[in-house]
């Protein structure tokens, strides 16, 4: 990845950010569909109760149908936006890697649409998990496109002369991959369509580390049955514990990243502002995670938790892309030898 030779087009840049923002809204819409358990409120696809989905009568948009049908229409709209973005990048004279990324994002959103349809027609939760994870990857692609079409992308190398890019970029990439892994865990838990496997926080059934031997698990399920909750297995409990442990690791890693950037960056730059934002939001995300449990997975709180996870992933993608750009720019500068510069000045 290198700094683009593309002349910044403010309208292309704004359109890329608009598409990314619409995709975040789509993720929120999908989160609400899953939280409310209305993914099959419209049982057919690509039609909606036999209607062309774009001609489905407004009077029938009621209850769970409202959430599911709105999600479909929003997904279709983003598909059209992705087509426009890919063609615009191709026509703009953007670098090859950026044009390819535009076509990749278009391919991702087309595949996303088919997965959404197959989730309805085949009734497979595994498809829903992949559907959710691909949405996050598509959002990450859009964030990189939006950054690479900005004027800031070209000036990043001049902004940060103190960042030790090799170590910092490795940290940003690792944290971003950890966040994506966390999103995969969340998608797996949410598409089980069950109540919370652990209903208390910060403890887990009264303990820091829950006991899941058969006798204890039987007592847990007896308690859950008394509270009209479905039974849980040890693997479901440990899946949620894995989510908690990984959340703690990510929070500590982001705090360490923030400290390093603050120590090395001598000015208020895009990298420093993004790291400040990252740290603030991960703390808010922990609060939302706890609130999700305390509210017994209230749909609006759980959806906000999912949406903020997508934002945290997007910030990680943005930081990684900016730092990779900085690292590449420095490599190019080191490849230019002093005698070459002297020769160039004599020409």
C-alpha atoms as a PDB file:
ATOM      1  CA  UNK A   1       0.000   0.000   0.000  1.00  0.00           C
ATOM      2  CA  UNK A   2       1.386   3.381  -0.924  1.00  0.00           C
ATOM      3  CA  UNK A   3       0.350   6.996  -0.934  1.00  0.00           C
ATOM      4  CA  UNK A   4      -1.908   7.586  -3.912  1.00  0.00           C
ATOM      5  CA  UNK A   5      -0.951   9.682  -6.916  1.00  0.00           C
ATOM      6  CA  UNK A   6      -4.658  10.245  -7.442  1.00  0.00           C
ATOM      7  CA  UNK A   7      -5.658  13.892  -7.327  1.00  0.00           C
ATOM      8  CA  UNK A   8      -8.098  14.161  -4.411  1.00  0.00           C
ATOM      9  CA  UNK A   9     -11.707  14.350  -5.567  1.00  0.00           C
ATOM     10  CA  UNK A  10     -13.752  15.698  -2.668  1.00  0.00           C
ATOM     11  CA  UNK A  11     -17.003  14.339  -4.106  1.00  0.00           C
ATOM     12  CA  UNK A  12     -15.603  10.838  -4.560  1.00  0.00           C
ATOM     13  CA  UNK A  13     -14.210  11.024  -1.032  1.00  0.00           C
ATOM     14  CA  UNK A  14     -17.557  12.134   0.401  1.00  0.00           C
ATOM     15  CA  UNK A  15     -19.409   9.466  -1.539  1.00  0.00           C
ATOM     16  CA  UNK A  16     -17.076   6.775  -0.169  1.00  0.00           C
ATOM     17  CA  UNK A  17     -17.701   7.965   3.392  1.00  0.00           C
ATOM     18  CA  UNK A  18     -21.442   8.141   2.711  1.00  0.00           C
ATOM     19  CA  UNK A  19     -21.404   4.523   1.527  1.00  0.00           C
ATOM     20  CA  UNK A  20     -19.427   3.506   4.623  1.00  0.00           C
ATOM     21  CA  UNK A  21     -21.897   5.325   6.907  1.00  0.00           C
ATOM     22  CA  UNK A  22     -24.827   3.653   5.129  1.00  0.00           C
ATOM     23  CA  UNK A  23     -23.129   0.284   5.624  1.00  0.00           C
ATOM     24  CA  UNK A  24     -22.802   0.956   9.344  1.00  0.00           C
ATOM     25  CA  UNK A  25     -26.529   1.726   9.371  1.00  0.00           C
ATOM     26  CA  UNK A  26     -27.112  -1.586   7.570  1.00  0.00           C
ATOM     27  CA  UNK A  27     -25.095  -3.418  10.247  1.00  0.00           C
ATOM     28  CA  UNK A  28     -27.266  -1.742  12.892  1.00  0.00           C
ATOM     29  CA  UNK A  29     -30.381  -2.796  10.980  1.00  0.00           C
ATOM     30  CA  UNK A  30     -29.137  -6.379  10.759  1.00  0.00           C
ATOM     31  CA  UNK A  31     -28.291  -6.304  14.451  1.00  0.00           C
ATOM     32  CA  UNK A  32     -31.808  -5.198  15.284  1.00  0.00           C
ATOM     33  CA  UNK A  33     -33.277  -7.974  13.095  1.00  0.00           C
ATOM     34  CA  UNK A  34     -31.181 -10.564  14.946  1.00  0.00           C
ATOM     35  CA  UNK A  35     -31.809  -9.047  18.399  1.00  0.00           C
ATOM     36  CA  UNK A  36     -35.556  -9.137  17.850  1.00  0.00           C
ATOM     37  CA  UNK A  37     -35.439 -12.604  16.259  1.00  0.00           C
ATOM     38  CA  UNK A  38     -37.369 -11.479  13.174  1.00  0.00           C
ATOM     39  CA  UNK A  39     -34.965 -12.665  10.481  1.00  0.00           C
ATOM     40  CA  UNK A  40     -37.704 -14.899   9.021  1.00  0.00           C
ATOM     41  CA  UNK A  41     -40.537 -12.401   9.348  1.00  0.00           C
ATOM     42  CA  UNK A  42     -40.433 -12.282   5.549  1.00  0.00           C
ATOM     43  CA  UNK A  43     -40.158 -15.988   4.669  1.00  0.00           C
ATOM     44  CA  UNK A  44     -39.326 -15.734   0.939  1.00  0.00           C
ATOM     45  CA  UNK A  45     -36.469 -14.239  -1.083  1.00  0.00           C
ATOM     46  CA  UNK A  46     -35.791 -12.364  -3.351  1.00  0.00           C
ATOM     47  CA  UNK A  47     -39.504 -11.582  -3.246  1.00  0.00           C
ATOM     48  CA  UNK A  48     -41.352 -10.374  -0.153  1.00  0.00           C
ATOM     49  CA  UNK A  49     -44.546 -12.406   0.349  1.00  0.00           C
ATOM     50  CA  UNK A  50     -44.594 -12.892  -3.405  1.00  0.00           C
ATOM     51  CA  UNK A  51     -44.204  -9.194  -4.201  1.00  0.00           C
ATOM     52  CA  UNK A  52     -41.234  -7.586  -5.880  1.00  0.00           C
ATOM     53  CA  UNK A  53     -39.424  -6.343  -2.772  1.00  0.00           C
ATOM     54  CA  UNK A  54     -39.345  -2.775  -4.114  1.00  0.00           C
ATOM     55  CA  UNK A  55     -43.124  -2.834  -4.648  1.00  0.00           C
ATOM     56  CA  UNK A  56     -44.099  -4.435  -1.355  1.00  0.00           C
ATOM     57  CA  UNK A  57     -47.126  -2.461  -0.027  1.00  0.00           C
ATOM     58  CA  UNK A  58     -46.279  -0.012   2.715  1.00  0.00           C
ATOM     59  CA  UNK A  59     -49.417  -1.035   4.608  1.00  0.00           C
ATOM     60  CA  UNK A  60     -47.865  -4.457   5.234  1.00  0.00           C
ATOM     61  CA  UNK A  61     -44.734  -3.054   6.894  1.00  0.00           C
ATOM     62  CA  UNK A  62     -45.782  -4.001  10.425  1.00  0.00           C
ATOM     63  CA  UNK A  63     -44.166  -5.772  13.385  1.00  0.00           C
ATOM     64  CA  UNK A  64     -41.108  -7.841  12.555  1.00  0.00           C
ATOM     65  CA  UNK A  65     -41.777  -7.409   8.827  1.00  0.00           C
ATOM     66  CA  UNK A  66     -40.856  -3.730   9.184  1.00  0.00           C
ATOM     67  CA  UNK A  67     -37.379  -4.550  10.498  1.00  0.00           C
ATOM     68  CA  UNK A  68     -36.649  -7.368   8.037  1.00  0.00           C
ATOM     69  CA  UNK A  69     -38.006  -5.632   4.925  1.00  0.00           C
ATOM     70  CA  UNK A  70     -36.267  -2.344   5.769  1.00  0.00           C
ATOM     71  CA  UNK A  71     -33.041  -4.306   6.140  1.00  0.00           C
ATOM     72  CA  UNK A  72     -33.502  -5.798   2.675  1.00  0.00           C
ATOM     73  CA  UNK A  73     -34.186  -2.437   1.047  1.00  0.00           C
ATOM     74  CA  UNK A  74     -31.208  -0.830   2.766  1.00  0.00           C
ATOM     75  CA  UNK A  75     -28.982  -3.705   1.639  1.00  0.00           C
ATOM     76  CA  UNK A  76     -30.175  -3.271  -1.951  1.00  0.00           C
ATOM     77  CA  UNK A  77     -29.491   0.466  -1.788  1.00  0.00           C
ATOM     78  CA  UNK A  78     -25.944  -0.148  -0.590  1.00  0.00           C
ATOM     79  CA  UNK A  79     -25.468  -2.594  -3.442  1.00  0.00           C
ATOM     80  CA  UNK A  80     -26.280   0.213  -5.890  1.00  0.00           C
ATOM     81  CA  UNK A  81     -23.928   2.578  -4.032  1.00  0.00           C
ATOM     82  CA  UNK A  82     -21.151  -0.030  -4.258  1.00  0.00           C
ATOM     83  CA  UNK A  83     -21.641  -0.264  -8.036  1.00  0.00           C
ATOM     84  CA  UNK A  84     -21.368   3.512  -8.379  1.00  0.00           C
ATOM     85  CA  UNK A  85     -18.285   3.623  -6.152  1.00  0.00           C
ATOM     86  CA  UNK A  86     -16.464   0.846  -8.044  1.00  0.00           C
ATOM     87  CA  UNK A  87     -17.165   2.438 -11.448  1.00  0.00           C
ATOM     88  CA  UNK A  88     -16.247   5.910 -10.157  1.00  0.00           C
ATOM     89  CA  UNK A  89     -12.904   4.634  -8.858  1.00  0.00           C
ATOM     90  CA  UNK A  90     -12.261   2.865 -12.164  1.00  0.00           C
ATOM     91  CA  UNK A  91     -13.011   6.056 -14.134  1.00  0.00           C
ATOM     92  CA  UNK A  92     -11.085   8.333 -11.757  1.00  0.00           C
ATOM     93  CA  UNK A  93      -7.604   7.079 -12.652  1.00  0.00           C
ATOM     94  CA  UNK A  94      -7.026   5.751  -9.136  1.00  0.00           C
ATOM     95  CA  UNK A  95      -4.028   3.458  -8.529  1.00  0.00           C
ATOM     96  CA  UNK A  96      -4.541  -0.171  -9.475  1.00  0.00           C
ATOM     97  CA  UNK A  97      -4.723  -1.391  -5.876  1.00  0.00           C
ATOM     98  CA  UNK A  98      -7.494   1.106  -5.132  1.00  0.00           C
ATOM     99  CA  UNK A  99      -9.461   0.218  -8.279  1.00  0.00           C
ATOM    100  CA  UNK A 100      -9.121  -3.464  -7.387  1.00  0.00           C
ATOM    101  CA  UNK A 101     -10.329  -2.743  -3.868  1.00  0.00           C
ATOM    102  CA  UNK A 102     -13.391  -1.035  -5.336  1.00  0.00           C
ATOM    103  CA  UNK A 103     -14.226  -4.142  -7.389  1.00  0.00           C
ATOM    104  CA  UNK A 104     -13.514  -6.377  -4.374  1.00  0.00           C
ATOM    105  CA  UNK A 105     -15.940  -4.365  -2.264  1.00  0.00           C
ATOM    106  CA  UNK A 106     -18.565  -4.703  -4.984  1.00  0.00           C
ATOM    107  CA  UNK A 107     -18.003  -8.468  -5.100  1.00  0.00           C
ATOM    108  CA  UNK A 108     -18.271  -8.615  -1.308  1.00  0.00           C
ATOM    109  CA  UNK A 109     -21.603  -6.807  -1.225  1.00  0.00           C
ATOM    110  CA  UNK A 110     -23.030  -9.011  -4.010  1.00  0.00           C
ATOM    111  CA  UNK A 111     -21.964 -12.114  -2.095  1.00  0.00           C
ATOM    112  CA  UNK A 112     -23.419 -10.541   1.028  1.00  0.00           C
ATOM    113  CA  UNK A 113     -26.792 -10.192  -0.657  1.00  0.00           C
ATOM    114  CA  UNK A 114     -26.814 -13.830  -1.765  1.00  0.00           C
ATOM    115  CA  UNK A 115     -25.820 -14.999   1.729  1.00  0.00           C
ATOM    116  CA  UNK A 116     -28.660 -12.980   3.217  1.00  0.00           C
ATOM    117  CA  UNK A 117     -31.085 -14.633   0.820  1.00  0.00           C
ATOM    118  CA  UNK A 118     -29.712 -18.112   1.439  1.00  0.00           C
ATOM    119  CA  UNK A 119     -30.019 -17.542   5.190  1.00  0.00           C
ATOM    120  CA  UNK A 120     -33.769 -17.122   4.646  1.00  0.00           C
ATOM    121  CA  UNK A 121     -34.311 -19.927   2.159  1.00  0.00           C
ATOM    122  CA  UNK A 122     -31.995 -22.550   3.694  1.00  0.00           C
ATOM    123  CA  UNK A 123     -32.579 -21.743   7.390  1.00  0.00           C
ATOM    124  CA  UNK A 124     -28.871 -22.183   8.233  1.00  0.00           C
ATOM    125  CA  UNK A 125     -27.437 -20.251  11.190  1.00  0.00           C
ATOM    126  CA  UNK A 126     -23.917 -20.856   9.849  1.00  0.00           C
ATOM    127  CA  UNK A 127     -24.801 -18.748   6.798  1.00  0.00           C
ATOM    128  CA  UNK A 128     -26.017 -15.988   9.116  1.00  0.00           C
ATOM    129  CA  UNK A 129     -22.659 -15.989  10.925  1.00  0.00           C
ATOM    130  CA  UNK A 130     -20.713 -15.671   7.674  1.00  0.00           C
ATOM    131  CA  UNK A 131     -23.197 -13.027   6.499  1.00  0.00           C
ATOM    132  CA  UNK A 132     -22.507 -10.930   9.601  1.00  0.00           C
ATOM    133  CA  UNK A 133     -18.716 -11.314   9.356  1.00  0.00           C
ATOM    134  CA  UNK A 134     -18.626 -10.397   5.665  1.00  0.00           C
ATOM    135  CA  UNK A 135     -20.559  -7.208   6.433  1.00  0.00           C
ATOM    136  CA  UNK A 136     -17.758  -6.112   8.775  1.00  0.00           C
ATOM    137  CA  UNK A 137     -15.096  -6.908   6.162  1.00  0.00           C
ATOM    138  CA  UNK A 138     -17.030  -4.908   3.546  1.00  0.00           C
ATOM    139  CA  UNK A 139     -17.173  -1.952   5.923  1.00  0.00           C
ATOM    140  CA  UNK A 140     -13.404  -2.187   6.423  1.00  0.00           C
ATOM    141  CA  UNK A 141     -12.849  -2.040   2.644  1.00  0.00           C
ATOM    142  CA  UNK A 142     -14.997   1.081   2.396  1.00  0.00           C
ATOM    143  CA  UNK A 143     -13.054   2.780   5.186  1.00  0.00           C
ATOM    144  CA  UNK A 144      -9.763   2.190   3.324  1.00  0.00           C
ATOM    145  CA  UNK A 145     -11.295   3.535   0.082  1.00  0.00           C
ATOM    146  CA  UNK A 146     -12.588   6.622   1.876  1.00  0.00           C
ATOM    147  CA  UNK A 147      -9.170   7.289   3.396  1.00  0.00           C
ATOM    148  CA  UNK A 148      -7.266   6.695   0.158  1.00  0.00           C
ATOM    149  CA  UNK A 149      -9.432   9.188  -1.725  1.00  0.00           C
ATOM    150  CA  UNK A 150      -8.767  11.971   0.800  1.00  0.00           C
ATOM    151  CA  UNK A 151      -6.206  14.746   0.751  1.00  0.00           C
ATOM    152  CA  UNK A 152      -5.053  13.613   4.214  1.00  0.00           C
ATOM    153  CA  UNK A 153      -3.877  10.314   2.733  1.00  0.00           C
ATOM    154  CA  UNK A 154      -1.233  12.135   0.674  1.00  0.00           C
ATOM    155  CA  UNK A 155       0.063  14.230   3.555  1.00  0.00           C
ATOM    156  CA  UNK A 156       0.307  11.532   6.235  1.00  0.00           C
ATOM    157  CA  UNK A 157       4.028  10.953   5.633  1.00  0.00           C
ATOM    158  CA  UNK A 158       4.804  14.607   6.319  1.00  0.00           C
ATOM    159  CA  UNK A 159       2.627  14.732   9.445  1.00  0.00           C
ATOM    160  CA  UNK A 160       4.333  12.060  11.533  1.00  0.00           C
ATOM    161  CA  UNK A 161       8.109  12.023  11.677  1.00  0.00           C
ATOM    162  CA  UNK A 162       8.460  10.573  15.179  1.00  0.00           C
ATOM    163  CA  UNK A 163       6.253   7.479  14.998  1.00  0.00           C
ATOM    164  CA  UNK A 164       8.264   4.247  14.951  1.00  0.00           C
ATOM    165  CA  UNK A 165       6.004   2.921  12.243  1.00  0.00           C
ATOM    166  CA  UNK A 166       7.176  -0.707  12.056  1.00  0.00           C
ATOM    167  CA  UNK A 167       6.318  -1.498  15.682  1.00  0.00           C
ATOM    168  CA  UNK A 168       3.217   0.669  15.836  1.00  0.00           C
ATOM    169  CA  UNK A 169       1.728  -0.658  12.604  1.00  0.00           C
ATOM    170  CA  UNK A 170       2.214  -4.215  13.856  1.00  0.00           C
ATOM    171  CA  UNK A 171       0.309  -3.288  17.019  1.00  0.00           C
ATOM    172  CA  UNK A 172      -2.522  -1.677  15.055  1.00  0.00           C
ATOM    173  CA  UNK A 173      -2.831  -4.691  12.740  1.00  0.00           C
ATOM    174  CA  UNK A 174      -2.814  -7.214  15.582  1.00  0.00           C
ATOM    175  CA  UNK A 175      -5.459  -5.310  17.551  1.00  0.00           C
ATOM    176  CA  UNK A 176      -7.620  -4.936  14.441  1.00  0.00           C
ATOM    177  CA  UNK A 177      -7.453  -8.688  13.778  1.00  0.00           C
ATOM    178  CA  UNK A 178      -8.345  -9.327  17.425  1.00  0.00           C
ATOM    179  CA  UNK A 179     -11.377  -7.066  17.099  1.00  0.00           C
ATOM    180  CA  UNK A 180     -12.445  -8.915  13.957  1.00  0.00           C
ATOM    181  CA  UNK A 181     -12.077 -12.195  15.839  1.00  0.00           C
ATOM    182  CA  UNK A 182     -14.278 -10.722  18.549  1.00  0.00           C
ATOM    183  CA  UNK A 183     -16.894  -9.826  15.937  1.00  0.00           C
ATOM    184  CA  UNK A 184     -16.839 -13.444  14.741  1.00  0.00           C
ATOM    185  CA  UNK A 185     -17.453 -14.614  18.324  1.00  0.00           C
ATOM    186  CA  UNK A 186     -20.324 -12.158  18.681  1.00  0.00           C
ATOM    187  CA  UNK A 187     -21.889 -13.316  15.410  1.00  0.00           C
ATOM    188  CA  UNK A 188     -21.633 -16.930  16.553  1.00  0.00           C
ATOM    189  CA  UNK A 189     -23.318 -16.187  19.877  1.00  0.00           C
ATOM    190  CA  UNK A 190     -26.052 -14.002  18.408  1.00  0.00           C
ATOM    191  CA  UNK A 191     -27.002 -16.440  15.653  1.00  0.00           C
ATOM    192  CA  UNK A 192     -27.646 -19.195  18.170  1.00  0.00           C
ATOM    193  CA  UNK A 193     -30.931 -17.319  18.795  1.00  0.00           C
ATOM    194  CA  UNK A 194     -30.863 -18.044  22.524  1.00  0.00           C
ATOM    195  CA  UNK A 195     -30.925 -16.056  25.720  1.00  0.00           C
ATOM    196  CA  UNK A 196     -27.634 -15.056  27.314  1.00  0.00           C
ATOM    197  CA  UNK A 197     -25.543 -18.040  28.370  1.00  0.00           C
ATOM    198  CA  UNK A 198     -24.357 -16.026  31.419  1.00  0.00           C
ATOM    199  CA  UNK A 199     -26.768 -13.624  33.059  1.00  0.00           C
ATOM    200  CA  UNK A 200     -24.533 -11.784  35.518  1.00  0.00           C
ATOM    201  CA  UNK A 201     -21.530  -9.470  35.198  1.00  0.00           C
ATOM    202  CA  UNK A 202     -18.699  -8.990  36.148  1.00  0.00           C
ATOM    203  CA  UNK A 203     -19.088 -12.444  37.762  1.00  0.00           C
ATOM    204  CA  UNK A 204     -20.297 -15.495  35.894  1.00  0.00           C
ATOM    205  CA  UNK A 205     -22.897 -17.376  37.949  1.00  0.00           C
ATOM    206  CA  UNK A 206     -21.364 -15.845  41.060  1.00  0.00           C
ATOM    207  CA  UNK A 207     -17.762 -16.751  40.184  1.00  0.00           C
ATOM    208  CA  UNK A 208     -14.944 -15.076  38.285  1.00  0.00           C
ATOM    209  CA  UNK A 209     -14.350 -18.313  36.379  1.00  0.00           C
ATOM    210  CA  UNK A 210     -17.550 -20.380  36.175  1.00  0.00           C
ATOM    211  CA  UNK A 211     -17.623 -24.046  37.122  1.00  0.00           C
ATOM    212  CA  UNK A 212     -19.187 -26.078  34.331  1.00  0.00           C
ATOM    213  CA  UNK A 213     -18.945 -29.625  35.667  1.00  0.00           C
ATOM    214  CA  UNK A 214     -22.130 -31.691  35.155  1.00  0.00           C
ATOM    215  CA  UNK A 215     -23.461 -31.163  38.678  1.00  0.00           C
ATOM    216  CA  UNK A 216     -22.966 -27.385  38.593  1.00  0.00           C
ATOM    217  CA  UNK A 217     -24.343 -27.163  35.065  1.00  0.00           C
ATOM    218  CA  UNK A 218     -27.451 -29.033  36.212  1.00  0.00           C
ATOM    219  CA  UNK A 219     -27.960 -26.464  39.013  1.00  0.00           C
ATOM    220  CA  UNK A 220     -27.449 -23.612  36.544  1.00  0.00           C
ATOM    221  CA  UNK A 221     -30.041 -25.032  34.172  1.00  0.00           C
ATOM    222  CA  UNK A 222     -32.473 -25.652  37.057  1.00  0.00           C
ATOM    223  CA  UNK A 223     -32.158 -21.967  37.960  1.00  0.00           C
ATOM    224  CA  UNK A 224     -32.608 -20.950  34.320  1.00  0.00           C
ATOM    225  CA  UNK A 225     -35.698 -23.132  33.981  1.00  0.00           C
ATOM    226  CA  UNK A 226     -37.176 -21.492  37.076  1.00  0.00           C
ATOM    227  CA  UNK A 227     -36.650 -18.119  35.388  1.00  0.00           C
ATOM    228  CA  UNK A 228     -38.168 -19.259  32.055  1.00  0.00           C
ATOM    229  CA  UNK A 229     -34.775 -19.345  30.314  1.00  0.00           C
ATOM    230  CA  UNK A 230     -33.528 -22.001  27.914  1.00  0.00           C
ATOM    231  CA  UNK A 231     -30.905 -24.520  28.955  1.00  0.00           C
ATOM    232  CA  UNK A 232     -27.246 -23.859  28.233  1.00  0.00           C
ATOM    233  CA  UNK A 233     -24.296 -26.131  27.580  1.00  0.00           C
ATOM    234  CA  UNK A 234     -20.781 -25.791  28.907  1.00  0.00           C
ATOM    235  CA  UNK A 235     -19.554 -24.832  25.423  1.00  0.00           C
ATOM    236  CA  UNK A 236     -22.049 -21.967  25.238  1.00  0.00           C
ATOM    237  CA  UNK A 237     -20.920 -20.664  28.620  1.00  0.00           C
ATOM    238  CA  UNK A 238     -17.273 -20.841  27.592  1.00  0.00           C
ATOM    239  CA  UNK A 239     -18.027 -19.143  24.287  1.00  0.00           C
ATOM    240  CA  UNK A 240     -19.366 -16.162  26.208  1.00  0.00           C
ATOM    241  CA  UNK A 241     -16.425 -16.305  28.621  1.00  0.00           C
ATOM    242  CA  UNK A 242     -14.099 -16.274  25.605  1.00  0.00           C
ATOM    243  CA  UNK A 243     -15.878 -13.127  24.459  1.00  0.00           C
ATOM    244  CA  UNK A 244     -15.239 -11.520  27.853  1.00  0.00           C
ATOM    245  CA  UNK A 245     -11.572 -12.559  27.990  1.00  0.00           C
ATOM    246  CA  UNK A 246     -10.915 -11.300  24.462  1.00  0.00           C
ATOM    247  CA  UNK A 247     -12.652  -8.008  25.282  1.00  0.00           C
ATOM    248  CA  UNK A 248     -10.261  -7.512  28.208  1.00  0.00           C
ATOM    249  CA  UNK A 249      -7.236  -8.294  26.009  1.00  0.00           C
ATOM    250  CA  UNK A 250      -8.403  -5.847  23.332  1.00  0.00           C
ATOM    251  CA  UNK A 251      -9.009  -3.086  25.893  1.00  0.00           C
ATOM    252  CA  UNK A 252      -5.513  -3.497  27.388  1.00  0.00           C
ATOM    253  CA  UNK A 253      -3.957  -3.626  23.902  1.00  0.00           C
ATOM    254  CA  UNK A 254      -5.719  -0.442  22.779  1.00  0.00           C
ATOM    255  CA  UNK A 255      -4.637   1.312  25.983  1.00  0.00           C
ATOM    256  CA  UNK A 256      -1.022   0.270  25.317  1.00  0.00           C
ATOM    257  CA  UNK A 257      -1.292   1.423  21.692  1.00  0.00           C
ATOM    258  CA  UNK A 258      -2.681   4.777  22.842  1.00  0.00           C
ATOM    259  CA  UNK A 259       0.215   5.196  25.269  1.00  0.00           C
ATOM    260  CA  UNK A 260       2.837   4.476  22.585  1.00  0.00           C
ATOM    261  CA  UNK A 261       1.248   6.860  20.076  1.00  0.00           C
ATOM    262  CA  UNK A 262       0.950   9.611  22.701  1.00  0.00           C
ATOM    263  CA  UNK A 263       4.598   9.116  23.677  1.00  0.00           C
ATOM    264  CA  UNK A 264       5.924   9.188  20.114  1.00  0.00           C
ATOM    265  CA  UNK A 265       3.611  11.694  18.459  1.00  0.00           C
ATOM    266  CA  UNK A 266       4.688  15.250  19.171  1.00  0.00           C
ATOM    267  CA  UNK A 267       1.689  16.912  17.582  1.00  0.00           C
ATOM    268  CA  UNK A 268      -2.082  16.525  17.431  1.00  0.00           C
ATOM    269  CA  UNK A 269      -2.389  14.513  14.222  1.00  0.00           C
ATOM    270  CA  UNK A 270      -4.878  12.160  12.621  1.00  0.00           C
ATOM    271  CA  UNK A 271      -3.127   9.183  14.228  1.00  0.00           C
ATOM    272  CA  UNK A 272      -3.212  10.703  17.681  1.00  0.00           C
ATOM    273  CA  UNK A 273      -6.862  11.731  17.389  1.00  0.00           C
ATOM    274  CA  UNK A 274      -7.851   8.286  16.146  1.00  0.00           C
ATOM    275  CA  UNK A 275      -5.988   6.574  18.997  1.00  0.00           C
ATOM    276  CA  UNK A 276      -7.750   8.868  21.512  1.00  0.00           C
ATOM    277  CA  UNK A 277     -11.091   7.987  19.919  1.00  0.00           C
ATOM    278  CA  UNK A 278     -10.230   4.271  19.913  1.00  0.00           C
ATOM    279  CA  UNK A 279      -9.468   4.238  23.628  1.00  0.00           C
ATOM    280  CA  UNK A 280     -12.587   6.228  24.517  1.00  0.00           C
ATOM    281  CA  UNK A 281     -14.865   3.990  22.494  1.00  0.00           C
ATOM    282  CA  UNK A 282     -13.436   0.706  23.784  1.00  0.00           C
ATOM    283  CA  UNK A 283     -14.216   1.857  27.323  1.00  0.00           C
ATOM    284  CA  UNK A 284     -17.740   2.761  26.229  1.00  0.00           C
ATOM    285  CA  UNK A 285     -18.001  -0.644  24.544  1.00  0.00           C
ATOM    286  CA  UNK A 286     -17.210  -2.413  27.820  1.00  0.00           C
ATOM    287  CA  UNK A 287     -20.003  -0.445  29.492  1.00  0.00           C
ATOM    288  CA  UNK A 288     -22.416  -1.363  26.690  1.00  0.00           C
ATOM    289  CA  UNK A 289     -21.410  -5.016  26.992  1.00  0.00           C
ATOM    290  CA  UNK A 290     -22.184  -4.995  30.697  1.00  0.00           C
ATOM    291  CA  UNK A 291     -25.443  -3.140  30.059  1.00  0.00           C
ATOM    292  CA  UNK A 292     -26.419  -5.765  27.469  1.00  0.00           C
ATOM    293  CA  UNK A 293     -26.127  -8.445  30.152  1.00  0.00           C
ATOM    294  CA  UNK A 294     -27.818  -6.419  32.895  1.00  0.00           C
ATOM    295  CA  UNK A 295     -30.726  -5.623  30.529  1.00  0.00           C
ATOM    296  CA  UNK A 296     -31.047  -9.307  29.579  1.00  0.00           C
ATOM    297  CA  UNK A 297     -29.988  -8.512  26.011  1.00  0.00           C
ATOM    298  CA  UNK A 298     -32.436  -5.692  25.332  1.00  0.00           C
ATOM    299  CA  UNK A 299     -32.626  -5.299  21.550  1.00  0.00           C
ATOM    300  CA  UNK A 300     -31.608  -1.632  21.390  1.00  0.00           C
ATOM    301  CA  UNK A 301     -28.684  -2.030  23.814  1.00  0.00           C
ATOM    302  CA  UNK A 302     -27.431  -5.219  22.137  1.00  0.00           C
ATOM    303  CA  UNK A 303     -27.642  -3.553  18.718  1.00  0.00           C
ATOM    304  CA  UNK A 304     -25.734  -0.510  19.957  1.00  0.00           C
ATOM    305  CA  UNK A 305     -23.080  -2.896  21.286  1.00  0.00           C
ATOM    306  CA  UNK A 306     -22.788  -4.527  17.831  1.00  0.00           C
ATOM    307  CA  UNK A 307     -22.665  -1.148  16.079  1.00  0.00           C
ATOM    308  CA  UNK A 308     -19.926   0.152  18.338  1.00  0.00           C
ATOM    309  CA  UNK A 309     -17.950  -3.020  17.715  1.00  0.00           C
ATOM    310  CA  UNK A 310     -18.121  -2.217  13.987  1.00  0.00           C
ATOM    311  CA  UNK A 311     -16.897   1.325  14.689  1.00  0.00           C
ATOM    312  CA  UNK A 312     -13.972   0.014  16.749  1.00  0.00           C
ATOM    313  CA  UNK A 313     -13.052  -2.324  13.889  1.00  0.00           C
ATOM    314  CA  UNK A 314     -13.295   0.572  11.413  1.00  0.00           C
ATOM    315  CA  UNK A 315     -10.961   2.715  13.514  1.00  0.00           C
ATOM    316  CA  UNK A 316      -8.485  -0.167  13.650  1.00  0.00           C
ATOM    317  CA  UNK A 317      -8.657  -0.504   9.858  1.00  0.00           C
ATOM    318  CA  UNK A 318      -8.145   3.261   9.462  1.00  0.00           C
ATOM    319  CA  UNK A 319      -5.141   3.323  11.805  1.00  0.00           C
ATOM    320  CA  UNK A 320      -3.594   0.285  10.144  1.00  0.00           C
ATOM    321  CA  UNK A 321      -4.053   1.755   6.662  1.00  0.00           C
ATOM    322  CA  UNK A 322      -2.599   5.133   7.656  1.00  0.00           C
ATOM    323  CA  UNK A 323       0.393   3.525   9.358  1.00  0.00           C
ATOM    324  CA  UNK A 324       1.033   1.223   6.394  1.00  0.00           C
ATOM    325  CA  UNK A 325       0.941   4.298   4.160  1.00  0.00           C
ATOM    326  CA  UNK A 326       3.451   6.017   6.440  1.00  0.00           C
ATOM    327  CA  UNK A 327       5.715   2.974   6.485  1.00  0.00           C
ATOM    328  CA  UNK A 328       5.638   2.684   2.681  1.00  0.00           C
ATOM    329  CA  UNK A 329       6.362   6.381   2.240  1.00  0.00           C
ATOM    330  CA  UNK A 330       9.407   6.124   4.486  1.00  0.00           C
ATOM    331  CA  UNK A 331      10.656   3.084   2.587  1.00  0.00           C
ATOM    332  CA  UNK A 332      10.394   5.013  -0.669  1.00  0.00           C
ATOM    333  CA  UNK A 333      12.271   7.949   0.840  1.00  0.00           C
ATOM    334  CA  UNK A 334      15.086   5.659   2.032  1.00  0.00           C
ATOM    335  CA  UNK A 335      15.389   4.187  -1.468  1.00  0.00           C
ATOM    336  CA  UNK A 336      16.286   7.619  -2.879  1.00  0.00           C
ATOM    337  CA  UNK A 337      20.033   8.022  -2.343  1.00  0.00           C
ATOM    338  CA  UNK A 338      21.622  11.433  -1.660  1.00  0.00           C
ATOM    339  CA  UNK A 339      23.678  11.285  -4.884  1.00  0.00           C
ATOM    340  CA  UNK A 340      20.479  10.681  -6.851  1.00  0.00           C
ATOM    341  CA  UNK A 341      18.977  13.809  -5.317  1.00  0.00           C
ATOM    342  CA  UNK A 342      22.134  15.765  -6.142  1.00  0.00           C
ATOM    343  CA  UNK A 343      22.031  14.550  -9.734  1.00  0.00           C
ATOM    344  CA  UNK A 344      18.373  15.471  -9.989  1.00  0.00           C
ATOM    345  CA  UNK A 345      19.120  18.992  -8.757  1.00  0.00           C
ATOM    346  CA  UNK A 346      21.735  19.434 -11.461  1.00  0.00           C
ATOM    347  CA  UNK A 347      19.314  18.557 -14.242  1.00  0.00           C
END
